[in-house]
Amino acid sequence: MKPMIIVNGMATAGKDTFVDLLGKYARIYKYSSIDKVKEIARACGWDGRKTEESRAFLSELKMLTTKHLDMSYKDVINKYHDFVDNPAYDVMSVFIREPEDIERIRLACDAITVLVINDRVPIITSNYGDAHVFEYGYDYSIKN
């Protein structure tokens, strides 16, 4: 199977930078477990800006769609199958915040997990997803 890397870290810690650097060595398919949630949020009127309030809204919307539809999990699994069948990519990176979601996807896709740490960014605790970033036993951590 083609590899998946689950990436997590606080907002602006350097997750995108890490994945972009990987892109110098492999063709990366980048996705986030909240991409589909953001589509729904935009349909509800969210303007795309990330504030404390909108982060809480996105986190609550993800929890709601997970509870009733298991939407994010199913979406990531579908994207993973698309990635495996697509010869244009070598590695899939997925941004996931919640420890229980990280573990489910890790097991389903035999993924490795990476935490990007940046001591210069604030720790956000105003929503479930951000508040639990450090509560998972990641395979690797990278200090930015």
N, C-alpha and C. Protein backbone atom coordinates (compact mmCIF):
# COMPACT_ATOMS: atom_id res chain seq x y z
N MET A 1 0.83 -1.19 0.00
CA MET A 1 0.00 0.00 0.00
C MET A 1 0.87 1.26 0.00
N LYS A 2 0.33 2.30 -0.55
CA LYS A 2 1.02 3.59 -0.55
C LYS A 2 0.89 4.23 0.83
N PRO A 3 1.91 4.98 1.27
CA PRO A 3 1.91 5.49 2.63
C PRO A 3 1.02 6.71 2.85
N MET A 4 0.47 6.75 4.07
CA MET A 4 -0.26 7.91 4.56
C MET A 4 0.46 8.43 5.79
N ILE A 5 0.55 9.76 5.88
CA ILE A 5 1.09 10.42 7.06
C ILE A 5 0.00 11.29 7.64
N ILE A 6 -0.34 11.06 8.90
CA ILE A 6 -1.29 11.90 9.60
C ILE A 6 -0.49 12.98 10.31
N VAL A 7 -0.83 14.23 10.05
CA VAL A 7 -0.09 15.37 10.59
C VAL A 7 -1.01 16.18 11.50
N ASN A 8 -0.47 16.59 12.64
CA ASN A 8 -1.23 17.41 13.57
C ASN A 8 -0.31 18.43 14.21
N GLY A 9 -0.89 19.42 14.82
CA GLY A 9 -0.17 20.49 15.51
C GLY A 9 -1.09 21.69 15.65
N MET A 10 -0.69 22.61 16.49
CA MET A 10 -1.48 23.82 16.68
C MET A 10 -1.55 24.64 15.39
N ALA A 11 -2.52 25.53 15.34
CA ALA A 11 -2.64 26.44 14.19
C ALA A 11 -1.33 27.22 14.03
N THR A 12 -0.86 27.32 12.82
CA THR A 12 0.37 28.02 12.41
C THR A 12 1.65 27.39 12.97
N ALA A 13 1.59 26.13 13.40
CA ALA A 13 2.79 25.47 13.93
C ALA A 13 3.78 25.10 12.83
N GLY A 14 3.29 24.96 11.59
CA GLY A 14 4.16 24.58 10.49
C GLY A 14 3.78 23.28 9.81
N LYS A 15 2.54 22.85 9.98
CA LYS A 15 2.08 21.60 9.37
C LYS A 15 2.17 21.66 7.84
N ASP A 16 1.65 22.73 7.27
CA ASP A 16 1.71 22.88 5.80
C ASP A 16 3.15 22.97 5.32
N THR A 17 3.98 23.68 6.05
CA THR A 17 5.40 23.80 5.68
C THR A 17 6.07 22.44 5.68
N PHE A 18 5.78 21.62 6.71
CA PHE A 18 6.34 20.28 6.78
C PHE A 18 5.92 19.46 5.56
N VAL A 19 4.64 19.48 5.24
CA VAL A 19 4.15 18.70 4.10
C VAL A 19 4.71 19.26 2.79
N ASP A 20 4.82 20.56 2.67
CA ASP A 20 5.41 21.16 1.47
C ASP A 20 6.87 20.73 1.30
N LEU A 21 7.60 20.64 2.40
CA LEU A 21 8.99 20.16 2.33
C LEU A 21 9.05 18.70 1.89
N LEU A 22 8.12 17.89 2.38
CA LEU A 22 8.05 16.50 1.90
C LEU A 22 7.81 16.46 0.39
N GLY A 23 7.07 17.44 -0.09
CA GLY A 23 6.76 17.52 -1.51
C GLY A 23 7.98 17.71 -2.40
N LYS A 24 9.09 18.06 -1.80
CA LYS A 24 10.34 18.16 -2.58
C LYS A 24 10.92 16.78 -2.89
N TYR A 25 10.46 15.76 -2.15
CA TYR A 25 11.00 14.42 -2.28
C TYR A 25 9.99 13.38 -2.75
N ALA A 26 8.72 13.73 -2.71
CA ALA A 26 7.67 12.81 -3.14
C ALA A 26 6.46 13.62 -3.59
N ARG A 27 5.65 13.00 -4.41
CA ARG A 27 4.42 13.67 -4.87
C ARG A 27 3.35 13.46 -3.80
N ILE A 28 2.93 14.56 -3.18
CA ILE A 28 2.05 14.51 -2.01
C ILE A 28 0.61 14.83 -2.39
N TYR A 29 -0.28 13.99 -1.90
CA TYR A 29 -1.72 14.26 -1.96
C TYR A 29 -2.10 14.77 -0.58
N LYS A 30 -2.45 16.04 -0.48
CA LYS A 30 -2.71 16.68 0.82
C LYS A 30 -4.21 16.82 1.03
N TYR A 31 -4.65 16.43 2.23
CA TYR A 31 -6.08 16.50 2.55
C TYR A 31 -6.23 16.78 4.04
N SER A 32 -7.41 17.20 4.44
CA SER A 32 -7.72 17.44 5.84
C SER A 32 -9.04 16.78 6.19
N SER A 33 -9.12 16.24 7.39
CA SER A 33 -10.35 15.60 7.82
C SER A 33 -11.49 16.60 7.98
N ILE A 34 -11.17 17.87 7.90
CA ILE A 34 -12.21 18.89 8.06
C ILE A 34 -12.58 19.56 6.73
N ASP A 35 -11.99 19.12 5.63
CA ASP A 35 -12.29 19.74 4.32
C ASP A 35 -13.78 19.68 4.00
N LYS A 36 -14.39 18.54 4.18
CA LYS A 36 -15.82 18.40 3.88
C LYS A 36 -16.67 19.22 4.85
N VAL A 37 -16.23 19.29 6.10
CA VAL A 37 -16.91 20.11 7.11
C VAL A 37 -16.87 21.58 6.68
N LYS A 38 -15.73 22.01 6.14
CA LYS A 38 -15.62 23.40 5.67
C LYS A 38 -16.58 23.68 4.52
N GLU A 39 -16.78 22.70 3.65
CA GLU A 39 -17.75 22.87 2.56
C GLU A 39 -19.15 23.14 3.13
N ILE A 40 -19.53 22.36 4.13
CA ILE A 40 -20.84 22.54 4.76
C ILE A 40 -20.90 23.89 5.46
N ALA A 41 -19.83 24.25 6.16
CA ALA A 41 -19.79 25.53 6.87
C ALA A 41 -19.95 26.70 5.90
N ARG A 42 -19.31 26.62 4.74
CA ARG A 42 -19.46 27.68 3.74
C ARG A 42 -20.91 27.77 3.26
N ALA A 43 -21.55 26.63 3.07
CA ALA A 43 -22.95 26.61 2.67
C ALA A 43 -23.85 27.22 3.75
N CYS A 44 -23.38 27.19 5.00
CA CYS A 44 -24.14 27.78 6.11
C CYS A 44 -23.83 29.27 6.29
N GLY A 45 -22.87 29.79 5.52
CA GLY A 45 -22.54 31.21 5.61
C GLY A 45 -21.18 31.53 6.20
N TRP A 46 -20.38 30.53 6.57
CA TRP A 46 -19.04 30.79 7.08
C TRP A 46 -18.21 31.44 5.99
N ASP A 47 -17.48 32.49 6.34
CA ASP A 47 -16.72 33.27 5.36
C ASP A 47 -15.31 32.74 5.10
N GLY A 48 -14.92 31.66 5.74
CA GLY A 48 -13.61 31.07 5.50
C GLY A 48 -12.52 31.56 6.43
N ARG A 49 -12.79 32.59 7.21
CA ARG A 49 -11.77 33.10 8.14
C ARG A 49 -11.72 32.23 9.38
N LYS A 50 -10.51 32.07 9.92
CA LYS A 50 -10.33 31.26 11.12
C LYS A 50 -10.15 32.19 12.32
N THR A 51 -11.20 32.29 13.10
CA THR A 51 -11.19 33.02 14.35
C THR A 51 -11.45 32.00 15.46
N GLU A 52 -11.33 32.43 16.71
CA GLU A 52 -11.66 31.52 17.81
C GLU A 52 -13.09 31.02 17.68
N GLU A 53 -14.00 31.93 17.33
CA GLU A 53 -15.41 31.56 17.19
C GLU A 53 -15.63 30.59 16.03
N SER A 54 -15.00 30.86 14.89
CA SER A 54 -15.20 29.97 13.74
C SER A 54 -14.52 28.62 13.95
N ARG A 55 -13.39 28.60 14.66
CA ARG A 55 -12.75 27.32 14.98
C ARG A 55 -13.68 26.47 15.84
N ALA A 56 -14.33 27.12 16.80
CA ALA A 56 -15.28 26.39 17.66
C ALA A 56 -16.46 25.89 16.81
N PHE A 57 -16.95 26.72 15.89
CA PHE A 57 -18.05 26.32 15.01
C PHE A 57 -17.65 25.11 14.17
N LEU A 58 -16.47 25.15 13.56
CA LEU A 58 -16.01 24.04 12.72
C LEU A 58 -15.84 22.76 13.55
N SER A 59 -15.29 22.91 14.74
CA SER A 59 -15.10 21.75 15.60
C SER A 59 -16.44 21.13 16.00
N GLU A 60 -17.39 21.97 16.37
CA GLU A 60 -18.72 21.47 16.75
C GLU A 60 -19.44 20.85 15.56
N LEU A 61 -19.28 21.45 14.38
CA LEU A 61 -19.91 20.89 13.17
C LEU A 61 -19.30 19.53 12.84
N LYS A 62 -17.98 19.42 13.01
CA LYS A 62 -17.34 18.12 12.76
C LYS A 62 -17.84 17.08 13.75
N MET A 63 -17.96 17.46 15.02
CA MET A 63 -18.45 16.50 16.02
C MET A 63 -19.88 16.08 15.71
N LEU A 64 -20.71 17.01 15.28
CA LEU A 64 -22.10 16.71 14.94
C LEU A 64 -22.19 15.75 13.74
N THR A 65 -21.42 16.05 12.69
CA THR A 65 -21.47 15.18 11.49
C THR A 65 -20.80 13.84 11.76
N THR A 66 -19.88 13.80 12.71
CA THR A 66 -19.27 12.52 13.10
C THR A 66 -20.27 11.68 13.89
N LYS A 67 -20.92 12.30 14.84
CA LYS A 67 -21.87 11.58 15.68
C LYS A 67 -23.00 10.96 14.86
N HIS A 68 -23.53 11.71 13.92
CA HIS A 68 -24.71 11.25 13.19
C HIS A 68 -24.41 10.54 11.87
N LEU A 69 -23.27 10.85 11.26
CA LEU A 69 -22.99 10.30 9.93
C LEU A 69 -21.61 9.66 9.79
N ASP A 70 -20.75 9.84 10.78
CA ASP A 70 -19.35 9.41 10.68
C ASP A 70 -18.71 9.97 9.41
N MET A 71 -19.10 11.21 9.09
CA MET A 71 -18.76 11.81 7.80
C MET A 71 -17.26 11.97 7.56
N SER A 72 -16.54 12.56 8.49
CA SER A 72 -15.12 12.83 8.25
C SER A 72 -14.33 11.54 8.06
N TYR A 73 -14.62 10.55 8.89
CA TYR A 73 -13.92 9.26 8.76
C TYR A 73 -14.18 8.66 7.38
N LYS A 74 -15.44 8.58 7.00
CA LYS A 74 -15.78 8.00 5.69
C LYS A 74 -15.16 8.81 4.55
N ASP A 75 -15.15 10.12 4.70
CA ASP A 75 -14.57 10.98 3.67
C ASP A 75 -13.07 10.73 3.51
N VAL A 76 -12.35 10.67 4.62
CA VAL A 76 -10.90 10.42 4.55
C VAL A 76 -10.62 9.04 3.97
N ILE A 77 -11.38 8.04 4.37
CA ILE A 77 -11.20 6.69 3.82
C ILE A 77 -11.44 6.69 2.31
N ASN A 78 -12.49 7.36 1.86
CA ASN A 78 -12.75 7.46 0.41
C ASN A 78 -11.61 8.16 -0.31
N LYS A 79 -11.10 9.24 0.27
CA LYS A 79 -9.97 9.97 -0.34
C LYS A 79 -8.73 9.08 -0.37
N TYR A 80 -8.53 8.29 0.67
CA TYR A 80 -7.38 7.38 0.71
C TYR A 80 -7.47 6.35 -0.42
N HIS A 81 -8.64 5.79 -0.63
CA HIS A 81 -8.80 4.82 -1.72
C HIS A 81 -8.56 5.48 -3.08
N ASP A 82 -9.03 6.70 -3.25
CA ASP A 82 -8.75 7.46 -4.48
C ASP A 82 -7.25 7.66 -4.66
N PHE A 83 -6.57 8.02 -3.57
CA PHE A 83 -5.12 8.23 -3.59
C PHE A 83 -4.38 6.95 -3.98
N VAL A 84 -4.75 5.83 -3.38
CA VAL A 84 -4.07 4.56 -3.66
C VAL A 84 -4.17 4.21 -5.14
N ASP A 85 -5.30 4.51 -5.73
CA ASP A 85 -5.52 4.18 -7.14
C ASP A 85 -4.98 5.23 -8.11
N ASN A 86 -4.45 6.33 -7.60
CA ASN A 86 -3.98 7.42 -8.45
C ASN A 86 -2.46 7.39 -8.57
N PRO A 87 -1.94 7.09 -9.76
CA PRO A 87 -0.48 7.02 -9.92
C PRO A 87 0.22 8.38 -9.86
N ALA A 88 -0.53 9.47 -9.78
CA ALA A 88 0.08 10.80 -9.76
C ALA A 88 0.68 11.15 -8.40
N TYR A 89 0.36 10.36 -7.36
CA TYR A 89 0.83 10.68 -6.00
C TYR A 89 1.55 9.51 -5.37
N ASP A 90 2.55 9.85 -4.54
CA ASP A 90 3.35 8.84 -3.83
C ASP A 90 2.95 8.69 -2.37
N VAL A 91 2.60 9.80 -1.73
CA VAL A 91 2.31 9.85 -0.30
C VAL A 91 1.06 10.69 -0.08
N MET A 92 0.23 10.27 0.86
CA MET A 92 -0.93 11.07 1.25
C MET A 92 -0.67 11.64 2.63
N SER A 93 -0.87 12.94 2.78
CA SER A 93 -0.83 13.56 4.10
C SER A 93 -2.24 13.97 4.46
N VAL A 94 -2.61 13.72 5.70
CA VAL A 94 -3.94 14.08 6.18
C VAL A 94 -3.78 14.84 7.50
N PHE A 95 -4.39 15.99 7.56
CA PHE A 95 -4.43 16.75 8.80
C PHE A 95 -5.64 16.28 9.60
N ILE A 96 -5.39 15.83 10.82
CA ILE A 96 -6.47 15.39 11.71
C ILE A 96 -6.15 15.92 13.11
N ARG A 97 -7.13 16.47 13.78
CA ARG A 97 -6.94 17.03 15.11
C ARG A 97 -7.26 16.04 16.24
N GLU A 98 -8.40 15.41 16.17
CA GLU A 98 -8.93 14.66 17.30
C GLU A 98 -8.22 13.31 17.47
N PRO A 99 -7.75 13.02 18.71
CA PRO A 99 -7.00 11.77 18.94
C PRO A 99 -7.75 10.51 18.52
N GLU A 100 -9.05 10.44 18.79
CA GLU A 100 -9.80 9.24 18.43
C GLU A 100 -9.90 9.08 16.91
N ASP A 101 -9.98 10.18 16.18
CA ASP A 101 -10.02 10.12 14.72
C ASP A 101 -8.65 9.75 14.15
N ILE A 102 -7.60 10.29 14.77
CA ILE A 102 -6.24 9.93 14.35
C ILE A 102 -6.06 8.42 14.45
N GLU A 103 -6.46 7.86 15.59
CA GLU A 103 -6.26 6.42 15.80
C GLU A 103 -7.07 5.57 14.83
N ARG A 104 -8.30 5.95 14.57
CA ARG A 104 -9.14 5.18 13.63
C ARG A 104 -8.53 5.17 12.23
N ILE A 105 -8.11 6.34 11.77
CA ILE A 105 -7.53 6.43 10.43
C ILE A 105 -6.17 5.73 10.39
N ARG A 106 -5.38 5.89 11.44
CA ARG A 106 -4.07 5.23 11.50
C ARG A 106 -4.23 3.73 11.34
N LEU A 107 -5.17 3.16 12.06
CA LEU A 107 -5.40 1.71 11.98
C LEU A 107 -5.95 1.29 10.63
N ALA A 108 -6.89 2.05 10.09
CA ALA A 108 -7.52 1.68 8.82
C ALA A 108 -6.57 1.80 7.65
N CYS A 109 -5.62 2.72 7.71
CA CYS A 109 -4.75 2.99 6.56
C CYS A 109 -3.28 2.67 6.84
N ASP A 110 -3.00 2.08 7.98
CA ASP A 110 -1.63 1.77 8.37
C ASP A 110 -0.74 3.01 8.24
N ALA A 111 -1.25 4.12 8.76
CA ALA A 111 -0.56 5.41 8.63
C ALA A 111 0.45 5.62 9.74
N ILE A 112 1.37 6.54 9.50
CA ILE A 112 2.25 7.01 10.57
C ILE A 112 1.74 8.38 11.01
N THR A 113 2.06 8.75 12.23
CA THR A 113 1.55 10.00 12.78
C THR A 113 2.71 10.94 13.13
N VAL A 114 2.50 12.22 12.85
CA VAL A 114 3.52 13.24 13.09
C VAL A 114 2.88 14.43 13.78
N LEU A 115 3.50 14.89 14.85
CA LEU A 115 3.10 16.11 15.54
C LEU A 115 4.12 17.19 15.23
N VAL A 116 3.66 18.33 14.74
CA VAL A 116 4.53 19.48 14.50
C VAL A 116 4.37 20.42 15.69
N ILE A 117 5.48 20.70 16.36
CA ILE A 117 5.48 21.54 17.56
C ILE A 117 6.18 22.85 17.23
N ASN A 118 5.57 23.93 17.67
CA ASN A 118 6.17 25.26 17.51
C ASN A 118 5.89 26.04 18.78
N ASP A 119 6.93 26.27 19.57
CA ASP A 119 6.77 26.94 20.86
C ASP A 119 6.38 28.41 20.72
N ARG A 120 6.45 28.95 19.51
CA ARG A 120 6.12 30.36 19.29
C ARG A 120 4.65 30.60 19.01
N VAL A 121 3.84 29.55 18.89
CA VAL A 121 2.42 29.73 18.61
C VAL A 121 1.60 29.42 19.85
N PRO A 122 0.48 30.11 20.01
CA PRO A 122 -0.33 29.88 21.21
C PRO A 122 -1.04 28.53 21.17
N ILE A 123 -1.24 27.98 22.33
CA ILE A 123 -2.02 26.75 22.45
C ILE A 123 -3.49 27.16 22.53
N ILE A 124 -4.29 26.59 21.65
CA ILE A 124 -5.71 26.93 21.59
C ILE A 124 -6.49 25.84 22.33
N THR A 125 -7.36 26.27 23.22
CA THR A 125 -8.16 25.30 23.98
C THR A 125 -9.66 25.62 23.90
N SER A 126 -10.02 26.52 23.01
CA SER A 126 -11.41 26.99 22.94
C SER A 126 -12.34 26.03 22.21
N ASN A 127 -11.80 24.96 21.64
CA ASN A 127 -12.64 23.98 20.95
C ASN A 127 -12.02 22.60 21.13
N TYR A 128 -12.84 21.59 20.94
CA TYR A 128 -12.41 20.21 21.21
C TYR A 128 -11.20 19.80 20.37
N GLY A 129 -11.24 20.07 19.09
CA GLY A 129 -10.16 19.62 18.20
C GLY A 129 -8.81 20.18 18.60
N ASP A 130 -8.74 21.48 18.81
CA ASP A 130 -7.47 22.10 19.19
C ASP A 130 -7.05 21.75 20.61
N ALA A 131 -8.01 21.63 21.50
CA ALA A 131 -7.70 21.39 22.91
C ALA A 131 -7.04 20.03 23.15
N HIS A 132 -7.19 19.10 22.23
CA HIS A 132 -6.70 17.73 22.45
C HIS A 132 -5.55 17.33 21.53
N VAL A 133 -4.92 18.31 20.90
CA VAL A 133 -3.82 18.03 19.95
C VAL A 133 -2.71 17.20 20.59
N PHE A 134 -2.37 17.49 21.84
CA PHE A 134 -1.21 16.85 22.47
C PHE A 134 -1.57 15.56 23.21
N GLU A 135 -2.79 15.08 23.04
CA GLU A 135 -3.25 13.90 23.77
C GLU A 135 -3.20 12.62 22.93
N TYR A 136 -2.23 12.53 22.08
CA TYR A 136 -2.06 11.33 21.27
C TYR A 136 -0.58 10.94 21.30
N GLY A 137 -0.28 9.67 21.24
CA GLY A 137 1.09 9.19 21.22
C GLY A 137 1.60 9.10 19.79
N TYR A 138 2.05 10.19 19.23
CA TYR A 138 2.50 10.27 17.84
C TYR A 138 3.76 9.43 17.62
N ASP A 139 3.90 8.94 16.40
CA ASP A 139 5.10 8.19 16.05
C ASP A 139 6.33 9.10 16.01
N TYR A 140 6.12 10.33 15.54
CA TYR A 140 7.22 11.29 15.42
C TYR A 140 6.74 12.67 15.83
N SER A 141 7.66 13.47 16.34
CA SER A 141 7.36 14.88 16.57
C SER A 141 8.49 15.69 15.94
N ILE A 142 8.09 16.81 15.37
CA ILE A 142 9.05 17.70 14.72
C ILE A 142 8.92 19.06 15.36
N LYS A 143 10.03 19.58 15.83
CA LYS A 143 10.03 20.89 16.45
C LYS A 143 10.39 21.92 15.40
N ASN A 144 9.50 22.84 15.20
CA ASN A 144 9.68 23.90 14.19
C ASN A 144 10.21 25.14 14.89
